[in-house]
Amino acid sequence: MWHYRTLPTARVGESELNDLPITSTEFDQLEAFLRTLEGPIDASAKYLRPPAVEAN
C-alpha cells in the first residue's frame, strides 16, 4: 500500500498514476480494514456457491 501513498517518478515520459493523499491515521484505518478481508469466510455454504444460470 505504501507504493500508492508516495509514487515513484516515471522512468520514461509521464506517470498516469495519482498518489493517495490521506493522513497517517486514514492510512492505518484503510490498512486495518483491508486486513479484515483476510482469513476464512464465516458464511453458510449456500451463500458461497455461484448463482444458478438459467438455460435459454
N, C-alpha and C. Protein backbone atom coordinates (compact mmCIF):
# COMPACT_ATOMS: atom_id res chain seq x y z
N MET A 1 0.82 -1.20 0.00
CA MET A 1 0.00 0.00 0.00
C MET A 1 0.86 1.26 0.00
N TRP A 2 2.05 1.17 0.56
CA TRP A 2 2.89 2.36 0.60
C TRP A 2 3.21 2.86 -0.80
N HIS A 3 3.22 1.96 -1.76
CA HIS A 3 3.52 2.35 -3.14
C HIS A 3 2.53 3.40 -3.63
N TYR A 4 1.27 3.29 -3.23
CA TYR A 4 0.25 4.23 -3.70
C TYR A 4 0.24 5.53 -2.90
N ARG A 5 0.88 5.53 -1.76
CA ARG A 5 0.89 6.74 -0.95
C ARG A 5 1.92 7.74 -1.48
N THR A 6 3.07 7.25 -1.86
CA THR A 6 4.12 8.10 -2.43
C THR A 6 4.63 7.42 -3.69
N LEU A 7 4.23 7.93 -4.81
CA LEU A 7 4.55 7.29 -6.08
C LEU A 7 5.96 7.60 -6.54
N PRO A 8 6.61 6.62 -7.16
CA PRO A 8 7.93 6.89 -7.73
C PRO A 8 7.77 7.73 -9.00
N THR A 9 8.84 8.39 -9.39
CA THR A 9 8.79 9.16 -10.63
C THR A 9 8.80 8.19 -11.81
N ALA A 10 8.24 8.62 -12.91
CA ALA A 10 8.19 7.79 -14.11
C ALA A 10 9.58 7.67 -14.70
N ARG A 11 9.93 6.48 -15.17
CA ARG A 11 11.24 6.28 -15.78
C ARG A 11 11.31 6.95 -17.16
N VAL A 12 10.22 6.86 -17.91
CA VAL A 12 10.18 7.46 -19.24
C VAL A 12 8.85 8.19 -19.37
N GLY A 13 8.85 9.41 -19.81
CA GLY A 13 7.60 10.15 -20.02
C GLY A 13 6.95 10.54 -18.70
N GLU A 14 5.63 10.52 -18.71
CA GLU A 14 4.87 10.91 -17.53
C GLU A 14 4.11 9.72 -16.95
N SER A 15 3.97 9.70 -15.66
CA SER A 15 3.21 8.65 -14.99
C SER A 15 1.72 9.04 -14.99
N GLU A 16 0.88 8.05 -15.21
CA GLU A 16 -0.57 8.28 -15.16
C GLU A 16 -1.13 7.95 -13.78
N LEU A 17 -0.27 7.52 -12.89
CA LEU A 17 -0.71 7.19 -11.53
C LEU A 17 -0.90 8.46 -10.71
N ASN A 18 -1.81 8.41 -9.78
CA ASN A 18 -2.02 9.51 -8.84
C ASN A 18 -1.71 9.00 -7.45
N ASP A 19 -1.11 9.87 -6.64
CA ASP A 19 -0.82 9.46 -5.27
C ASP A 19 -2.11 9.42 -4.46
N LEU A 20 -2.02 8.83 -3.29
CA LEU A 20 -3.18 8.68 -2.40
C LEU A 20 -2.98 9.64 -1.24
N PRO A 21 -3.52 10.85 -1.36
CA PRO A 21 -3.27 11.87 -0.34
C PRO A 21 -4.17 11.69 0.90
N ILE A 22 -3.76 10.79 1.79
CA ILE A 22 -4.53 10.57 3.02
C ILE A 22 -3.58 10.74 4.21
N THR A 23 -4.17 11.00 5.35
CA THR A 23 -3.38 11.18 6.57
C THR A 23 -2.86 9.81 7.05
N SER A 24 -1.92 9.83 7.96
CA SER A 24 -1.38 8.59 8.52
C SER A 24 -2.48 7.80 9.23
N THR A 25 -3.36 8.50 9.91
CA THR A 25 -4.48 7.83 10.59
C THR A 25 -5.40 7.15 9.59
N GLU A 26 -5.75 7.86 8.51
CA GLU A 26 -6.61 7.27 7.48
C GLU A 26 -5.93 6.08 6.81
N PHE A 27 -4.62 6.21 6.60
CA PHE A 27 -3.87 5.11 6.01
C PHE A 27 -3.92 3.88 6.92
N ASP A 28 -3.71 4.07 8.21
CA ASP A 28 -3.78 2.97 9.17
C ASP A 28 -5.17 2.35 9.21
N GLN A 29 -6.21 3.18 9.13
CA GLN A 29 -7.58 2.68 9.13
C GLN A 29 -7.86 1.87 7.87
N LEU A 30 -7.38 2.35 6.73
CA LEU A 30 -7.58 1.63 5.47
C LEU A 30 -6.86 0.28 5.52
N GLU A 31 -5.64 0.28 6.02
CA GLU A 31 -4.89 -0.97 6.13
C GLU A 31 -5.60 -1.94 7.07
N ALA A 32 -6.11 -1.45 8.19
CA ALA A 32 -6.83 -2.30 9.15
C ALA A 32 -8.07 -2.90 8.51
N PHE A 33 -8.80 -2.09 7.74
CA PHE A 33 -9.98 -2.61 7.05
C PHE A 33 -9.60 -3.70 6.05
N LEU A 34 -8.58 -3.44 5.24
CA LEU A 34 -8.17 -4.43 4.24
C LEU A 34 -7.73 -5.73 4.91
N ARG A 35 -7.14 -5.64 6.07
CA ARG A 35 -6.72 -6.87 6.77
C ARG A 35 -7.92 -7.67 7.27
N THR A 36 -9.07 -7.04 7.46
CA THR A 36 -10.27 -7.79 7.87
C THR A 36 -10.78 -8.68 6.74
N LEU A 37 -10.33 -8.42 5.53
CA LEU A 37 -10.77 -9.22 4.38
C LEU A 37 -9.97 -10.51 4.24
N GLU A 38 -8.94 -10.69 5.07
CA GLU A 38 -8.16 -11.92 5.07
C GLU A 38 -8.83 -12.94 5.96
N GLY A 39 -8.52 -14.19 5.74
CA GLY A 39 -8.99 -15.23 6.64
C GLY A 39 -10.21 -15.95 6.10
N PRO A 40 -10.70 -16.88 6.89
CA PRO A 40 -11.82 -17.72 6.44
C PRO A 40 -13.12 -16.92 6.34
N ILE A 41 -13.99 -17.40 5.49
CA ILE A 41 -15.31 -16.78 5.32
C ILE A 41 -16.28 -17.53 6.22
N ASP A 42 -16.95 -16.81 7.09
CA ASP A 42 -17.91 -17.40 8.01
C ASP A 42 -19.31 -17.19 7.44
N ALA A 43 -19.67 -18.05 6.48
CA ALA A 43 -20.99 -17.93 5.85
C ALA A 43 -21.50 -19.32 5.52
N SER A 44 -22.79 -19.43 5.42
CA SER A 44 -23.43 -20.68 5.03
C SER A 44 -22.97 -21.09 3.63
N ALA A 45 -22.84 -22.38 3.39
CA ALA A 45 -22.39 -22.88 2.09
C ALA A 45 -23.28 -22.40 0.94
N LYS A 46 -24.57 -22.18 1.22
CA LYS A 46 -25.47 -21.74 0.14
C LYS A 46 -25.10 -20.36 -0.39
N TYR A 47 -24.42 -19.56 0.44
CA TYR A 47 -24.00 -18.22 0.01
C TYR A 47 -22.65 -18.24 -0.70
N LEU A 48 -21.95 -19.35 -0.64
CA LEU A 48 -20.63 -19.45 -1.24
C LEU A 48 -20.67 -20.09 -2.63
N ARG A 49 -21.82 -20.59 -3.05
CA ARG A 49 -21.95 -21.18 -4.38
C ARG A 49 -22.26 -20.07 -5.39
N PRO A 50 -21.77 -20.25 -6.63
CA PRO A 50 -22.12 -19.25 -7.66
C PRO A 50 -23.62 -19.33 -7.96
N PRO A 51 -24.21 -18.25 -8.44
CA PRO A 51 -25.64 -18.27 -8.77
C PRO A 51 -25.91 -19.23 -9.92
N ALA A 52 -27.10 -19.80 -9.90
CA ALA A 52 -27.51 -20.71 -10.98
C ALA A 52 -27.73 -19.91 -12.27
N VAL A 53 -27.32 -20.49 -13.37
CA VAL A 53 -27.50 -19.85 -14.66
C VAL A 53 -28.71 -20.51 -15.34
N GLU A 54 -29.64 -19.68 -15.74
CA GLU A 54 -30.84 -20.20 -16.39
C GLU A 54 -30.55 -20.49 -17.85
N ALA A 55 -31.01 -21.65 -18.32
CA ALA A 55 -30.83 -22.01 -19.74
C ALA A 55 -31.89 -21.31 -20.57
N ASN A 56 -31.52 -20.78 -21.70
CA ASN A 56 -32.49 -20.10 -22.58
C ASN A 56 -32.86 -20.99 -23.74
